[in-house]
Amino acid sequence: MWPSLIKKAKEGGVDVIQTYVFWNLHEPWPGQYNFSGRYDLVGFINEIQAQGLYVCLRIGPFIEAEWAYGGFPFWLHDVPGIVFRTDNEPFKFYMQKFTTKIVNLMKSEGLYASQGGPIILSQVK
């Protein structure tokens, strides 16, 4: 699916693919990560690079109204004392843990532009 869609985007004049990182899909349970199959973020980004395009990686963790629950994993709601999208210690703890996981994964795969990869921008919101 990805190769043909990316090819069509490139043929249409696109040079940057912007993609969200869906926290609720990649960490469905606390500390249990899923980057396989359709959730293979590294594979997706590698395919974009293979086709000569760049990536704007929107790590989130909040991904607006485009996704159920803003992309937050549902288990996050059960964390004692958590208040979403605030300067709240429980929220900041889990948010930092997830965003650090994603950034480190991208770095370990050499996917940032400074490493020769296609990611020219990462957005944390």
PDB file of N, CA and C in Angstrom:
ATOM      1  N   MET A   1       0.817  -1.192   0.000  1.00  0.00           N
ATOM      2  CA  MET A   1       0.000   0.000   0.000  1.00  0.00           C
ATOM      3  C   MET A   1       0.862   1.259   0.000  1.00  0.00           C
ATOM      4  N   TRP A   2       1.840   1.339   0.903  1.00  0.00           N
ATOM      5  CA  TRP A   2       2.638   2.562   1.013  1.00  0.00           C
ATOM      6  C   TRP A   2       3.383   2.913  -0.261  1.00  0.00           C
ATOM      7  N   PRO A   3       4.095   1.963  -0.881  1.00  0.00           N
ATOM      8  CA  PRO A   3       4.876   2.341  -2.067  1.00  0.00           C
ATOM      9  C   PRO A   3       4.044   3.015  -3.155  1.00  0.00           C
ATOM     10  N   SER A   4       2.873   2.476  -3.442  1.00  0.00           N
ATOM     11  CA  SER A   4       2.066   3.062  -4.519  1.00  0.00           C
ATOM     12  C   SER A   4       1.513   4.432  -4.131  1.00  0.00           C
ATOM     13  N   LEU A   5       1.119   4.605  -2.877  1.00  0.00           N
ATOM     14  CA  LEU A   5       0.607   5.907  -2.439  1.00  0.00           C
ATOM     15  C   LEU A   5       1.705   6.962  -2.439  1.00  0.00           C
ATOM     16  N   ILE A   6       2.889   6.582  -1.980  1.00  0.00           N
ATOM     17  CA  ILE A   6       4.016   7.519  -1.963  1.00  0.00           C
ATOM     18  C   ILE A   6       4.404   7.884  -3.391  1.00  0.00           C
ATOM     19  N   LYS A   7       4.404   6.900  -4.272  1.00  0.00           N
ATOM     20  CA  LYS A   7       4.727   7.145  -5.688  1.00  0.00           C
ATOM     21  C   LYS A   7       3.742   8.133  -6.302  1.00  0.00           C
ATOM     22  N   LYS A   8       2.459   7.946  -6.024  1.00  0.00           N
ATOM     23  CA  LYS A   8       1.437   8.852  -6.557  1.00  0.00           C
ATOM     24  C   LYS A   8       1.614  10.262  -6.007  1.00  0.00           C
ATOM     25  N   ALA A   9       1.957  10.360  -4.731  1.00  0.00           N
ATOM     26  CA  ALA A   9       2.195  11.675  -4.132  1.00  0.00           C
ATOM     27  C   ALA A   9       3.361  12.369  -4.824  1.00  0.00           C
ATOM     28  N   LYS A  10       4.433  11.624  -5.047  1.00  0.00           N
ATOM     29  CA  LYS A  10       5.609  12.194  -5.717  1.00  0.00           C
ATOM     30  C   LYS A  10       5.265  12.619  -7.143  1.00  0.00           C
ATOM     31  N   GLU A  11       4.541  11.781  -7.848  1.00  0.00           N
ATOM     32  CA  GLU A  11       4.135  12.119  -9.216  1.00  0.00           C
ATOM     33  C   GLU A  11       3.252  13.363  -9.249  1.00  0.00           C
ATOM     34  N   GLY A  12       2.557  13.611  -8.158  1.00  0.00           N
ATOM     35  CA  GLY A  12       1.706  14.794  -8.051  1.00  0.00           C
ATOM     36  C   GLY A  12       2.454  16.044  -7.626  1.00  0.00           C
ATOM     37  N   GLY A  13       3.757  15.927  -7.411  1.00  0.00           N
ATOM     38  CA  GLY A  13       4.566  17.091  -7.066  1.00  0.00           C
ATOM     39  C   GLY A  13       4.915  17.237  -5.598  1.00  0.00           C
ATOM     40  N   VAL A  14       4.511  16.298  -4.782  1.00  0.00           N
ATOM     41  CA  VAL A  14       4.825  16.351  -3.349  1.00  0.00           C
ATOM     42  C   VAL A  14       6.296  16.019  -3.145  1.00  0.00           C
ATOM     43  N   ASP A  15       6.952  16.755  -2.238  1.00  0.00           N
ATOM     44  CA  ASP A  15       8.333  16.401  -1.914  1.00  0.00           C
ATOM     45  C   ASP A  15       8.535  16.119  -0.431  1.00  0.00           C
ATOM     46  N   VAL A  16       7.506  16.382   0.382  1.00  0.00           N
ATOM     47  CA  VAL A  16       7.567  16.085   1.816  1.00  0.00           C
ATOM     48  C   VAL A  16       6.282  15.374   2.219  1.00  0.00           C
ATOM     49  N   ILE A  17       6.427  14.243   2.891  1.00  0.00           N
ATOM     50  CA  ILE A  17       5.285  13.523   3.461  1.00  0.00           C
ATOM     51  C   ILE A  17       5.240  13.854   4.945  1.00  0.00           C
ATOM     52  N   GLN A  18       4.109  14.369   5.379  1.00  0.00           N
ATOM     53  CA  GLN A  18       3.919  14.662   6.794  1.00  0.00           C
ATOM     54  C   GLN A  18       3.113  13.523   7.399  1.00  0.00           C
ATOM     55  N   THR A  19       3.588  12.993   8.524  1.00  0.00           N
ATOM     56  CA  THR A  19       2.880  11.876   9.138  1.00  0.00           C
ATOM     57  C   THR A  19       2.840  12.015  10.646  1.00  0.00           C
ATOM     58  N   TYR A  20       1.723  11.620  11.206  1.00  0.00           N
ATOM     59  CA  TYR A  20       1.586  11.551  12.657  1.00  0.00           C
ATOM     60  C   TYR A  20       2.199  10.256  13.174  1.00  0.00           C
ATOM     61  N   VAL A  21       2.565  10.276  14.442  1.00  0.00           N
ATOM     62  CA  VAL A  21       2.932   9.060  15.160  1.00  0.00           C
ATOM     63  C   VAL A  21       1.790   8.822  16.148  1.00  0.00           C
ATOM     64  N   PHE A  22       1.052   7.761  15.944  1.00  0.00           N
ATOM     65  CA  PHE A  22      -0.155   7.499  16.726  1.00  0.00           C
ATOM     66  C   PHE A  22       0.201   6.773  18.022  1.00  0.00           C
ATOM     67  N   TRP A  23       0.239   7.519  19.105  1.00  0.00           N
ATOM     68  CA  TRP A  23       0.640   6.964  20.399  1.00  0.00           C
ATOM     69  C   TRP A  23      -0.224   5.767  20.764  1.00  0.00           C
ATOM     70  N   ASN A  24      -1.529   5.882  20.570  1.00  0.00           N
ATOM     71  CA  ASN A  24      -2.418   4.789  20.990  1.00  0.00           C
ATOM     72  C   ASN A  24      -2.203   3.510  20.177  1.00  0.00           C
ATOM     73  N   LEU A  25      -1.680   3.625  18.971  1.00  0.00           N
ATOM     74  CA  LEU A  25      -1.385   2.432  18.176  1.00  0.00           C
ATOM     75  C   LEU A  25      -0.019   1.852  18.516  1.00  0.00           C
ATOM     76  N   HIS A  26       0.940   2.728  18.772  1.00  0.00           N
ATOM     77  CA  HIS A  26       2.307   2.269  19.016  1.00  0.00           C
ATOM     78  C   HIS A  26       2.568   1.857  20.461  1.00  0.00           C
ATOM     79  N   GLU A  27       1.741   2.316  21.397  1.00  0.00           N
ATOM     80  CA  GLU A  27       1.862   1.879  22.795  1.00  0.00           C
ATOM     81  C   GLU A  27       0.458   1.580  23.333  1.00  0.00           C
ATOM     82  N   PRO A  28      -0.137   0.481  22.875  1.00  0.00           N
ATOM     83  CA  PRO A  28      -1.514   0.185  23.267  1.00  0.00           C
ATOM     84  C   PRO A  28      -1.672  -0.111  24.755  1.00  0.00           C
ATOM     85  N   TRP A  29      -0.604  -0.539  25.395  1.00  0.00           N
ATOM     86  CA  TRP A  29      -0.572  -0.789  26.835  1.00  0.00           C
ATOM     87  C   TRP A  29       0.718  -0.177  27.365  1.00  0.00           C
ATOM     88  N   PRO A  30       0.737   0.259  28.602  1.00  0.00           N
ATOM     89  CA  PRO A  30       1.939   0.913  29.137  1.00  0.00           C
ATOM     90  C   PRO A  30       3.196   0.058  28.945  1.00  0.00           C
ATOM     91  N   GLY A  31       4.173   0.636  28.255  1.00  0.00           N
ATOM     92  CA  GLY A  31       5.454  -0.038  28.062  1.00  0.00           C
ATOM     93  C   GLY A  31       5.461  -1.137  27.016  1.00  0.00           C
ATOM     94  N   GLN A  32       4.335  -1.401  26.368  1.00  0.00           N
ATOM     95  CA  GLN A  32       4.261  -2.426  25.319  1.00  0.00           C
ATOM     96  C   GLN A  32       4.129  -1.722  23.966  1.00  0.00           C
ATOM     97  N   TYR A  33       5.196  -1.796  23.190  1.00  0.00           N
ATOM     98  CA  TYR A  33       5.258  -1.049  21.935  1.00  0.00           C
ATOM     99  C   TYR A  33       4.998  -1.954  20.736  1.00  0.00           C
ATOM    100  N   ASN A  34       4.388  -1.369  19.722  1.00  0.00           N
ATOM    101  CA  ASN A  34       4.075  -2.105  18.499  1.00  0.00           C
ATOM    102  C   ASN A  34       4.537  -1.291  17.294  1.00  0.00           C
ATOM    103  N   PHE A  35       5.574  -1.792  16.632  1.00  0.00           N
ATOM    104  CA  PHE A  35       6.076  -1.158  15.418  1.00  0.00           C
ATOM    105  C   PHE A  35       6.157  -2.178  14.286  1.00  0.00           C
ATOM    106  N   SER A  36       5.228  -3.113  14.276  1.00  0.00           N
ATOM    107  CA  SER A  36       5.259  -4.165  13.255  1.00  0.00           C
ATOM    108  C   SER A  36       4.076  -4.018  12.304  1.00  0.00           C
ATOM    109  N   GLY A  37       4.192  -4.687  11.162  1.00  0.00           N
ATOM    110  CA  GLY A  37       3.096  -4.681  10.191  1.00  0.00           C
ATOM    111  C   GLY A  37       2.722  -3.284   9.747  1.00  0.00           C
ATOM    112  N   ARG A  38       1.450  -2.964   9.821  1.00  0.00           N
ATOM    113  CA  ARG A  38       0.974  -1.635   9.407  1.00  0.00           C
ATOM    114  C   ARG A  38       1.504  -0.522  10.288  1.00  0.00           C
ATOM    115  N   TYR A  39       2.040  -0.889  11.443  1.00  0.00           N
ATOM    116  CA  TYR A  39       2.542   0.106  12.392  1.00  0.00           C
ATOM    117  C   TYR A  39       4.058   0.274  12.309  1.00  0.00           C
ATOM    118  N   ASP A  40       4.661  -0.226  11.241  1.00  0.00           N
ATOM    119  CA  ASP A  40       6.111  -0.168  11.047  1.00  0.00           C
ATOM    120  C   ASP A  40       6.518   1.243  10.622  1.00  0.00           C
ATOM    121  N   LEU A  41       6.716   2.090  11.593  1.00  0.00           N
ATOM    122  CA  LEU A  41       7.057   3.486  11.345  1.00  0.00           C
ATOM    123  C   LEU A  41       8.389   3.617  10.614  1.00  0.00           C
ATOM    124  N   VAL A  42       9.383   2.848  11.027  1.00  0.00           N
ATOM    125  CA  VAL A  42      10.697   2.887  10.382  1.00  0.00           C
ATOM    126  C   VAL A  42      10.583   2.449   8.921  1.00  0.00           C
ATOM    127  N   GLY A  43       9.851   1.380   8.673  1.00  0.00           N
ATOM    128  CA  GLY A  43       9.663   0.905   7.306  1.00  0.00           C
ATOM    129  C   GLY A  43       8.977   1.938   6.427  1.00  0.00           C
ATOM    130  N   PHE A  44       7.986   2.609   6.989  1.00  0.00           N
ATOM    131  CA  PHE A  44       7.268   3.654   6.262  1.00  0.00           C
ATOM    132  C   PHE A  44       8.215   4.792   5.886  1.00  0.00           C
ATOM    133  N   ILE A  45       9.001   5.227   6.851  1.00  0.00           N
ATOM    134  CA  ILE A  45       9.934   6.330   6.597  1.00  0.00           C
ATOM    135  C   ILE A  45      11.027   5.904   5.622  1.00  0.00           C
ATOM    136  N   ASN A  46      11.500   4.679   5.744  1.00  0.00           N
ATOM    137  CA  ASN A  46      12.496   4.181   4.784  1.00  0.00           C
ATOM    138  C   ASN A  46      11.936   4.152   3.363  1.00  0.00           C
ATOM    139  N   GLU A  47      10.673   3.786   3.223  1.00  0.00           N
ATOM    140  CA  GLU A  47      10.043   3.767   1.895  1.00  0.00           C
ATOM    141  C   GLU A  47       9.944   5.176   1.323  1.00  0.00           C
ATOM    142  N   ILE A  48       9.618   6.126   2.165  1.00  0.00           N
ATOM    143  CA  ILE A  48       9.563   7.520   1.718  1.00  0.00           C
ATOM    144  C   ILE A  48      10.935   7.957   1.205  1.00  0.00           C
ATOM    145  N   GLN A  49      11.975   7.623   1.963  1.00  0.00           N
ATOM    146  CA  GLN A  49      13.331   7.984   1.546  1.00  0.00           C
ATOM    147  C   GLN A  49      13.724   7.270   0.251  1.00  0.00           C
ATOM    148  N   ALA A  50      13.371   6.008   0.137  1.00  0.00           N
ATOM    149  CA  ALA A  50      13.711   5.235  -1.062  1.00  0.00           C
ATOM    150  C   ALA A  50      13.115   5.862  -2.323  1.00  0.00           C
ATOM    151  N   GLN A  51      12.000   6.561  -2.151  1.00  0.00           N
ATOM    152  CA  GLN A  51      11.360   7.203  -3.301  1.00  0.00           C
ATOM    153  C   GLN A  51      11.798   8.659  -3.473  1.00  0.00           C
ATOM    154  N   GLY A  52      12.801   9.067  -2.684  1.00  0.00           N
ATOM    155  CA  GLY A  52      13.392  10.390  -2.868  1.00  0.00           C
ATOM    156  C   GLY A  52      12.633  11.540  -2.245  1.00  0.00           C
ATOM    157  N   LEU A  53      11.812  11.242  -1.245  1.00  0.00           N
ATOM    158  CA  LEU A  53      11.044  12.292  -0.576  1.00  0.00           C
ATOM    159  C   LEU A  53      11.558  12.511   0.841  1.00  0.00           C
ATOM    160  N   TYR A  54      11.067  13.576   1.457  1.00  0.00           N
ATOM    161  CA  TYR A  54      11.425  13.916   2.831  1.00  0.00           C
ATOM    162  C   TYR A  54      10.231  13.674   3.751  1.00  0.00           C
ATOM    163  N   VAL A  55      10.507  13.730   5.064  1.00  0.00           N
ATOM    164  CA  VAL A  55       9.475  13.459   6.068  1.00  0.00           C
ATOM    165  C   VAL A  55       9.406  14.594   7.077  1.00  0.00           C
ATOM    166  N   CYS A  56       8.184  14.993   7.400  1.00  0.00           N
ATOM    167  CA  CYS A  56       7.902  15.840   8.557  1.00  0.00           C
ATOM    168  C   CYS A  56       7.211  14.912   9.552  1.00  0.00           C
ATOM    169  N   LEU A  57       7.888  14.607  10.649  1.00  0.00           N
ATOM    170  CA  LEU A  57       7.392  13.630  11.621  1.00  0.00           C
ATOM    171  C   LEU A  57       6.683  14.344  12.762  1.00  0.00           C
ATOM    172  N   ARG A  58       5.381  14.177  12.825  1.00  0.00           N
ATOM    173  CA  ARG A  58       4.576  14.810  13.878  1.00  0.00           C
ATOM    174  C   ARG A  58       4.385  13.795  15.003  1.00  0.00           C
ATOM    175  N   ILE A  59       5.289  13.873  15.968  1.00  0.00           N
ATOM    176  CA  ILE A  59       5.323  12.898  17.063  1.00  0.00           C
ATOM    177  C   ILE A  59       4.116  13.052  17.978  1.00  0.00           C
ATOM    178  N   GLY A  60       3.546  14.196  18.013  1.00  0.00           N
ATOM    179  CA  GLY A  60       2.419  14.441  18.916  1.00  0.00           C
ATOM    180  C   GLY A  60       2.936  14.863  20.277  1.00  0.00           C
ATOM    181  N   PRO A  61       2.462  14.306  21.334  1.00  0.00           N
ATOM    182  CA  PRO A  61       1.626  13.117  21.421  1.00  0.00           C
ATOM    183  C   PRO A  61       0.155  13.376  21.121  1.00  0.00           C
ATOM    184  N   PHE A  62      -0.273  14.636  21.170  1.00  0.00           N
ATOM    185  CA  PHE A  62      -1.666  14.945  20.849  1.00  0.00           C
ATOM    186  C   PHE A  62      -1.752  15.227  19.357  1.00  0.00           C
ATOM    187  N   ILE A  63      -2.663  14.562  18.669  1.00  0.00           N
ATOM    188  CA  ILE A  63      -2.753  14.727  17.220  1.00  0.00           C
ATOM    189  C   ILE A  63      -4.101  15.295  16.792  1.00  0.00           C
ATOM    190  N   GLU A  64      -4.578  16.218  17.603  1.00  0.00           N
ATOM    191  CA  GLU A  64      -5.774  16.983  17.275  1.00  0.00           C
ATOM    192  C   GLU A  64      -7.005  16.098  17.162  1.00  0.00           C
ATOM    193  N   ALA A  65      -7.962  16.569  16.396  1.00  0.00           N
ATOM    194  CA  ALA A  65      -9.236  15.870  16.272  1.00  0.00           C
ATOM    195  C   ALA A  65      -9.235  14.848  15.142  1.00  0.00           C
ATOM    196  N   GLU A  66      -8.090  14.709  14.476  1.00  0.00           N
ATOM    197  CA  GLU A  66      -8.045  13.788  13.350  1.00  0.00           C
ATOM    198  C   GLU A  66      -8.101  12.323  13.770  1.00  0.00           C
ATOM    199  N   TRP A  67      -8.011  12.052  15.054  1.00  0.00           N
ATOM    200  CA  TRP A  67      -7.932  10.675  15.520  1.00  0.00           C
ATOM    201  C   TRP A  67      -8.654  10.568  16.858  1.00  0.00           C
ATOM    202  N   ALA A  68      -9.289   9.443  17.102  1.00  0.00           N
ATOM    203  CA  ALA A  68     -10.038   9.232  18.345  1.00  0.00           C
ATOM    204  C   ALA A  68      -9.166   9.504  19.571  1.00  0.00           C
ATOM    205  N   TYR A  69      -9.720  10.248  20.510  1.00  0.00           N
ATOM    206  CA  TYR A  69      -9.068  10.548  21.789  1.00  0.00           C
ATOM    207  C   TYR A  69      -7.780  11.340  21.583  1.00  0.00           C
ATOM    208  N   GLY A  70      -7.676  12.014  20.435  1.00  0.00           N
ATOM    209  CA  GLY A  70      -6.492  12.811  20.132  1.00  0.00           C
ATOM    210  C   GLY A  70      -5.233  11.990  19.952  1.00  0.00           C
ATOM    211  N   GLY A  71      -5.406  10.674  19.798  1.00  0.00           N
ATOM    212  CA  GLY A  71      -4.253   9.785  19.646  1.00  0.00           C
ATOM    213  C   GLY A  71      -3.669   9.307  20.957  1.00  0.00           C
ATOM    214  N   PHE A  72      -4.192   9.813  22.067  1.00  0.00           N
ATOM    215  CA  PHE A  72      -3.708   9.329  23.361  1.00  0.00           C
ATOM    216  C   PHE A  72      -4.154   7.882  23.557  1.00  0.00           C
ATOM    217  N   PRO A  73      -3.308   7.050  24.154  1.00  0.00           N
ATOM    218  CA  PRO A  73      -3.757   5.688  24.463  1.00  0.00           C
ATOM    219  C   PRO A  73      -4.825   5.739  25.560  1.00  0.00           C
ATOM    220  N   PHE A  74      -5.802   4.881  25.461  1.00  0.00           N
ATOM    221  CA  PHE A  74      -6.910   4.907  26.415  1.00  0.00           C
ATOM    222  C   PHE A  74      -6.462   4.596  27.839  1.00  0.00           C
ATOM    223  N   TRP A  75      -5.400   3.803  27.990  1.00  0.00           N
ATOM    224  CA  TRP A  75      -4.913   3.477  29.332  1.00  0.00           C
ATOM    225  C   TRP A  75      -4.413   4.710  30.074  1.00  0.00           C
ATOM    226  N   LEU A  76      -4.046   5.754  29.349  1.00  0.00           N
ATOM    227  CA  LEU A  76      -3.525   6.968  29.973  1.00  0.00           C
ATOM    228  C   LEU A  76      -4.579   7.615  30.873  1.00  0.00           C
ATOM    229  N   HIS A  77      -5.834   7.440  30.518  1.00  0.00           N
ATOM    230  CA  HIS A  77      -6.938   8.013  31.300  1.00  0.00           C
ATOM    231  C   HIS A  77      -6.968   7.475  32.732  1.00  0.00           C
ATOM    232  N   ASP A  78      -6.450   6.268  32.938  1.00  0.00           N
ATOM    233  CA  ASP A  78      -6.487   5.634  34.258  1.00  0.00           C
ATOM    234  C   ASP A  78      -5.296   5.977  35.145  1.00  0.00           C
ATOM    235  N   VAL A  79      -4.366   6.791  34.653  1.00  0.00           N
ATOM    236  CA  VAL A  79      -3.202   7.174  35.456  1.00  0.00           C
ATOM    237  C   VAL A  79      -3.663   8.149  36.537  1.00  0.00           C
ATOM    238  N   PRO A  80      -3.407   7.833  37.811  1.00  0.00           N
ATOM    239  CA  PRO A  80      -3.838   8.718  38.900  1.00  0.00           C
ATOM    240  C   PRO A  80      -3.256  10.128  38.773  1.00  0.00           C
ATOM    241  N   GLY A  81      -4.114  11.123  38.909  1.00  0.00           N
ATOM    242  CA  GLY A  81      -3.684  12.516  38.921  1.00  0.00           C
ATOM    243  C   GLY A  81      -3.378  13.124  37.567  1.00  0.00           C
ATOM    244  N   ILE A  82      -3.611  12.392  36.501  1.00  0.00           N
ATOM    245  CA  ILE A  82      -3.247  12.917  35.177  1.00  0.00           C
ATOM    246  C   ILE A  82      -4.273  13.936  34.685  1.00  0.00           C
ATOM    247  N   VAL A  83      -3.768  14.992  34.081  1.00  0.00           N
ATOM    248  CA  VAL A  83      -4.591  15.984  33.399  1.00  0.00           C
ATOM    249  C   VAL A  83      -3.930  16.190  32.042  1.00  0.00           C
ATOM    250  N   PHE A  84      -4.653  15.899  30.979  1.00  0.00           N
ATOM    251  CA  PHE A  84      -4.074  15.946  29.634  1.00  0.00           C
ATOM    252  C   PHE A  84      -3.715  17.357  29.213  1.00  0.00           C
ATOM    253  N   ARG A  85      -2.620  17.434  28.444  1.00  0.00           N
ATOM    254  CA  ARG A  85      -2.171  18.654  27.785  1.00  0.00           C
ATOM    255  C   ARG A  85      -1.978  19.812  28.756  1.00  0.00           C
ATOM    256  N   THR A  86      -1.428  19.517  29.923  1.00  0.00           N
ATOM    257  CA  THR A  86      -1.145  20.552  30.915  1.00  0.00           C
ATOM    258  C   THR A  86       0.255  20.343  31.467  1.00  0.00           C
ATOM    259  N   ASP A  87       0.682  21.295  32.275  1.00  0.00           N
ATOM    260  CA  ASP A  87       1.958  21.176  32.977  1.00  0.00           C
ATOM    261  C   ASP A  87       1.706  20.321  34.220  1.00  0.00           C
ATOM    262  N   ASN A  88       1.483  19.044  33.972  1.00  0.00           N
ATOM    263  CA  ASN A  88       1.049  18.090  34.977  1.00  0.00           C
ATOM    264  C   ASN A  88       2.070  16.959  35.016  1.00  0.00           C
ATOM    265  N   GLU A  89       2.621  16.668  36.189  1.00  0.00           N
ATOM    266  CA  GLU A  89       3.722  15.703  36.286  1.00  0.00           C
ATOM    267  C   GLU A  89       3.394  14.320  35.710  1.00  0.00           C
ATOM    268  N   PRO A  90       2.255  13.713  36.035  1.00  0.00           N
ATOM    269  CA  PRO A  90       1.977  12.400  35.430  1.00  0.00           C
ATOM    270  C   PRO A  90       1.899  12.471  33.901  1.00  0.00           C
ATOM    271  N   PHE A  91       1.265  13.516  33.376  1.00  0.00           N
ATOM    272  CA  PHE A  91       1.163  13.647  31.923  1.00  0.00           C
ATOM    273  C   PHE A  91       2.539  13.839  31.304  1.00  0.00           C
ATOM    274  N   LYS A  92       3.327  14.739  31.887  1.00  0.00           N
ATOM    275  CA  LYS A  92       4.667  15.003  31.344  1.00  0.00           C
ATOM    276  C   LYS A  92       5.542  13.754  31.405  1.00  0.00           C
ATOM    277  N   PHE A  93       5.407  12.958  32.451  1.00  0.00           N
ATOM    278  CA  PHE A  93       6.201  11.733  32.588  1.00  0.00           C
ATOM    279  C   PHE A  93       5.942  10.785  31.420  1.00  0.00           C
ATOM    280  N   TYR A  94       4.667  10.488  31.156  1.00  0.00           N
ATOM    281  CA  TYR A  94       4.330   9.546  30.086  1.00  0.00           C
ATOM    282  C   TYR A  94       4.579  10.141  28.701  1.00  0.00           C
ATOM    283  N   MET A  95       4.320  11.432  28.551  1.00  0.00           N
ATOM    284  CA  MET A  95       4.576  12.085  27.275  1.00  0.00           C
ATOM    285  C   MET A  95       6.065  12.054  26.943  1.00  0.00           C
ATOM    286  N   GLN A  96       6.899  12.392  27.923  1.00  0.00           N
ATOM    287  CA  GLN A  96       8.342  12.391  27.682  1.00  0.00           C
ATOM    288  C   GLN A  96       8.848  10.987  27.375  1.00  0.00           C
ATOM    289  N   LYS A  97       8.317  10.011  28.081  1.00  0.00           N
ATOM    290  CA  LYS A  97       8.727   8.626  27.847  1.00  0.00           C
ATOM    291  C   LYS A  97       8.431   8.208  26.401  1.00  0.00           C
ATOM    292  N   PHE A  98       7.239   8.525  25.922  1.00  0.00           N
ATOM    293  CA  PHE A  98       6.866   8.145  24.561  1.00  0.00           C
ATOM    294  C   PHE A  98       7.650   8.925  23.512  1.00  0.00           C
ATOM    295  N   THR A  99       7.714  10.241  23.660  1.00  0.00           N
ATOM    296  CA  THR A  99       8.419  11.034  22.651  1.00  0.00           C
ATOM    297  C   THR A  99       9.901  10.683  22.609  1.00  0.00           C
ATOM    298  N   THR A 100      10.493  10.420  23.760  1.00  0.00           N
ATOM    299  CA  THR A 100      11.900  10.003  23.800  1.00  0.00           C
ATOM    300  C   THR A 100      12.078   8.673  23.091  1.00  0.00           C
ATOM    301  N   LYS A 101      11.150   7.757  23.291  1.00  0.00           N
ATOM    302  CA  LYS A 101      11.195   6.456  22.613  1.00  0.00           C
ATOM    303  C   LYS A 101      11.205   6.645  21.090  1.00  0.00           C
ATOM    304  N   ILE A 102      10.348   7.504  20.596  1.00  0.00           N
ATOM    305  CA  ILE A 102      10.256   7.723  19.150  1.00  0.00           C
ATOM    306  C   ILE A 102      11.517   8.405  18.619  1.00  0.00           C
ATOM    307  N   VAL A 103      11.962   9.455  19.284  1.00  0.00           N
ATOM    308  CA  VAL A 103      13.166  10.165  18.833  1.00  0.00           C
ATOM    309  C   VAL A 103      14.368   9.229  18.836  1.00  0.00           C
ATOM    310  N   ASN A 104      14.522   8.450  19.901  1.00  0.00           N
ATOM    311  CA  ASN A 104      15.652   7.512  19.965  1.00  0.00           C
ATOM    312  C   ASN A 104      15.566   6.437  18.882  1.00  0.00           C
ATOM    313  N   LEU A 105      14.357   5.983  18.581  1.00  0.00           N
ATOM    314  CA  LEU A 105      14.175   5.006  17.508  1.00  0.00           C
ATOM    315  C   LEU A 105      14.604   5.598  16.166  1.00  0.00           C
ATOM    316  N   MET A 106      14.182   6.823  15.903  1.00  0.00           N
ATOM    317  CA  MET A 106      14.552   7.474  14.643  1.00  0.00           C
ATOM    318  C   MET A 106      16.068   7.678  14.564  1.00  0.00           C
ATOM    319  N   LYS A 107      16.667   8.097  15.673  1.00  0.00           N
ATOM    320  CA  LYS A 107      18.122   8.290  15.705  1.00  0.00           C
ATOM    321  C   LYS A 107      18.861   6.974  15.506  1.00  0.00           C
ATOM    322  N   SER A 108      18.399   5.921  16.170  1.00  0.00           N
ATOM    323  CA  SER A 108      19.088   4.628  16.074  1.00  0.00           C
ATOM    324  C   SER A 108      19.050   4.071  14.652  1.00  0.00           C
ATOM    325  N   GLU A 109      18.060   4.474  13.880  1.00  0.00           N
ATOM    326  CA  GLU A 109      17.933   4.026  12.490  1.00  0.00           C
ATOM    327  C   GLU A 109      18.555   5.012  11.502  1.00  0.00           C
ATOM    328  N   GLY A 110      19.122   6.110  12.025  1.00  0.00           N
ATOM    329  CA  GLY A 110      19.759   7.107  11.160  1.00  0.00           C
ATOM    330  C   GLY A 110      18.786   7.831  10.252  1.00  0.00           C
ATOM    331  N   LEU A 111      17.598   8.131  10.764  1.00  0.00           N
ATOM    332  CA  LEU A 111      16.546   8.686   9.915  1.00  0.00           C
ATOM    333  C   LEU A 111      16.444  10.207   9.917  1.00  0.00           C
ATOM    334  N   TYR A 112      17.180  10.873  10.794  1.00  0.00           N
ATOM    335  CA  TYR A 112      17.149  12.338  10.781  1.00  0.00           C
ATOM    336  C   TYR A 112      18.060  12.866   9.676  1.00  0.00           C
ATOM    337  N   ALA A 113      17.694  14.005   9.108  1.00  0.00           N
ATOM    338  CA  ALA A 113      18.458  14.581   7.997  1.00  0.00           C
ATOM    339  C   ALA A 113      19.924  14.781   8.365  1.00  0.00           C
ATOM    340  N   SER A 114      20.193  15.143   9.610  1.00  0.00           N
ATOM    341  CA  SER A 114      21.581  15.341  10.041  1.00  0.00           C
ATOM    342  C   SER A 114      22.381  14.045  10.010  1.00  0.00           C
ATOM    343  N   GLN A 115      21.680  12.917   9.904  1.00  0.00           N
ATOM    344  CA  GLN A 115      22.312  11.596   9.820  1.00  0.00           C
ATOM    345  C   GLN A 115      22.249  11.035   8.397  1.00  0.00           C
ATOM    346  N   GLY A 116      21.740  11.822   7.479  1.00  0.00           N
ATOM    347  CA  GLY A 116      21.578  11.349   6.108  1.00  0.00           C
ATOM    348  C   GLY A 116      20.202  10.777   5.825  1.00  0.00           C
ATOM    349  N   GLY A 117      19.293  10.898   6.789  1.00  0.00           N
ATOM    350  CA  GLY A 117      17.942  10.369   6.631  1.00  0.00           C
ATOM    351  C   GLY A 117      16.973  11.385   6.061  1.00  0.00           C
ATOM    352  N   PRO A 118      15.720  10.998   5.900  1.00  0.00           N
ATOM    353  CA  PRO A 118      14.728  11.859   5.256  1.00  0.00           C
ATOM    354  C   PRO A 118      13.959  12.790   6.196  1.00  0.00           C
ATOM    355  N   ILE A 119      14.095  12.624   7.517  1.00  0.00           N
ATOM    356  CA  ILE A 119      13.303  13.446   8.445  1.00  0.00           C
ATOM    357  C   ILE A 119      13.930  14.829   8.550  1.00  0.00           C
ATOM    358  N   ILE A 120      13.230  15.817   8.004  1.00  0.00           N
ATOM    359  CA  ILE A 120      13.742  17.187   8.030  1.00  0.00           C
ATOM    360  C   ILE A 120      13.116  18.017   9.148  1.00  0.00           C
ATOM    361  N   LEU A 121      12.059  17.492   9.768  1.00  0.00           N
ATOM    362  CA  LEU A 121      11.401  18.210  10.854  1.00  0.00           C
ATOM    363  C   LEU A 121      10.660  17.218  11.739  1.00  0.00           C
ATOM    364  N   SER A 122      10.806  17.404  13.049  1.00  0.00           N
ATOM    365  CA  SER A 122      10.000  16.653  14.023  1.00  0.00           C
ATOM    366  C   SER A 122       9.203  17.666  14.823  1.00  0.00           C
ATOM    367  N   GLN A 123       7.943  17.380  15.031  1.00  0.00           N
ATOM    368  CA  GLN A 123       7.084  18.274  15.791  1.00  0.00           C
ATOM    369  C   GLN A 123       6.562  17.538  17.011  1.00  0.00           C
ATOM    370  N   VAL A 124       6.763  18.155  18.177  1.00  0.00           N
ATOM    371  CA  VAL A 124       6.191  17.636  19.419  1.00  0.00           C
ATOM    372  C   VAL A 124       5.164  18.653  19.875  1.00  0.00           C
ATOM    373  N   LYS A 125       3.945  18.168  20.109  1.00  0.00           N
ATOM    374  CA  LYS A 125       2.873  19.084  20.496  1.00  0.00           C
ATOM    375  C   LYS A 125       2.134  18.516  21.672  1.00  0.00           C
TER     376      LYS A 125
END
